[in-house]
Amino acid sequence: MKTIAALQATVTAEPLDIEPSAAELDAIDREMPLIRAEVELLDAQIMTIDRPANELDARRVRRARNRVLAARRDLTNRKGMQSGGAA
């Protein structure tokens, strides 16, 4: 009877560097206003899932959506100014 052996060397996972780098932390920090605005929008939408939306709920969702748009605009303009482009 023949023995079966692997033709390739065994593959072992290399230890992962789980901590984020300084550049990744800076990117998260720059995007934090947008992240917060998106969380507020999600909270406002979740509140209206199981009940009919009244005028106050509609206003809350609309304002949260406007905050998300403003945060995206600010982030985009900031990136454009950093890269030297015209914003």
Protein backbone atom coordinates (compact mmCIF):
# COMPACT_ATOMS: atom_id res chain seq x y z
CA MET A 1 0.00 0.00 0.00
CA LYS A 2 1.29 3.46 -0.89
CA THR A 3 1.28 6.33 1.59
CA ILE A 4 -0.32 9.58 0.51
CA ALA A 5 1.69 12.70 1.25
CA ALA A 6 0.98 16.32 0.53
CA LEU A 7 2.82 17.68 -2.47
CA GLN A 8 2.91 21.20 -1.07
CA ALA A 9 4.25 22.51 2.18
CA THR A 10 1.65 22.91 4.86
CA VAL A 11 -0.02 26.27 4.92
CA THR A 12 -0.16 28.00 8.25
CA ALA A 13 -1.81 31.28 8.93
CA GLU A 14 0.58 34.08 9.57
CA PRO A 15 -0.04 36.06 12.72
CA LEU A 16 -2.29 38.98 11.89
CA ASP A 17 -1.58 42.52 12.93
CA ILE A 18 -5.05 43.23 14.27
CA GLU A 19 -4.48 46.79 15.43
CA PRO A 20 -5.32 49.57 12.94
CA SER A 21 -2.49 51.68 11.66
CA ALA A 22 -2.16 55.39 12.40
CA ALA A 23 -3.31 56.20 8.86
CA GLU A 24 -6.43 54.08 9.28
CA LEU A 25 -7.23 55.74 12.60
CA ASP A 26 -6.80 59.18 10.99
CA ALA A 27 -9.16 58.20 8.17
CA ILE A 28 -11.76 57.02 10.66
CA ASP A 29 -11.35 60.24 12.63
CA ARG A 30 -11.90 62.33 9.47
CA GLU A 31 -15.02 60.34 8.59
CA MET A 32 -16.50 60.35 12.11
CA PRO A 33 -18.99 63.22 11.47
CA LEU A 34 -20.40 61.27 8.51
CA ILE A 35 -20.53 58.06 10.55
CA ARG A 36 -22.42 59.81 13.35
CA ALA A 37 -24.87 61.37 10.89
CA GLU A 38 -25.51 57.99 9.27
CA VAL A 39 -26.14 56.41 12.68
CA GLU A 40 -28.65 59.17 13.51
CA LEU A 41 -30.42 58.55 10.19
CA LEU A 42 -30.55 54.84 10.88
CA ASP A 43 -31.95 55.46 14.37
CA ALA A 44 -34.63 57.73 12.94
CA GLN A 45 -35.56 55.13 10.33
CA ILE A 46 -35.66 52.32 12.89
CA MET A 47 -38.10 54.31 15.03
CA THR A 48 -40.59 54.35 12.16
CA ILE A 49 -40.38 50.67 11.20
CA ASP A 50 -43.13 49.24 13.38
CA ARG A 51 -45.57 52.12 13.36
CA PRO A 52 -46.94 54.61 10.88
CA ALA A 53 -44.74 57.65 10.59
CA ASN A 54 -46.32 60.83 11.90
CA GLU A 55 -45.23 64.37 11.03
CA LEU A 56 -42.59 64.45 13.78
CA ASP A 57 -41.05 61.17 12.59
CA ALA A 58 -40.99 62.35 8.98
CA ARG A 59 -39.30 65.58 10.04
CA ARG A 60 -36.74 63.66 12.13
CA VAL A 61 -35.86 61.39 9.18
CA ARG A 62 -35.68 64.34 6.78
CA ARG A 63 -33.36 66.30 9.07
CA ALA A 64 -31.15 63.26 9.65
CA ARG A 65 -30.95 62.70 5.88
CA ASN A 66 -29.96 66.34 5.41
CA ARG A 67 -27.22 65.95 8.05
CA VAL A 68 -25.86 62.93 6.18
CA LEU A 69 -25.79 64.89 2.92
CA ALA A 70 -24.06 67.84 4.59
CA ALA A 71 -21.47 65.56 6.23
CA ARG A 72 -20.78 63.86 2.88
CA ARG A 73 -20.39 67.24 1.20
CA ASP A 74 -18.00 68.47 3.89
CA LEU A 75 -15.94 65.28 3.73
CA THR A 76 -15.73 65.45 -0.06
CA ASN A 77 -14.74 69.11 0.01
CA ARG A 78 -12.09 68.41 2.64
CA LYS A 79 -10.62 65.59 0.53
CA GLY A 80 -10.58 67.87 -2.52
CA MET A 81 -8.73 70.58 -0.64
CA GLN A 82 -6.16 68.09 0.70
CA SER A 83 -5.38 66.73 -2.75
CA GLY A 84 -4.89 70.25 -4.12
CA GLY A 85 -7.91 70.20 -6.39
CA ALA A 86 -10.48 72.93 -6.69
CA ALA A 87 -13.44 72.32 -4.46
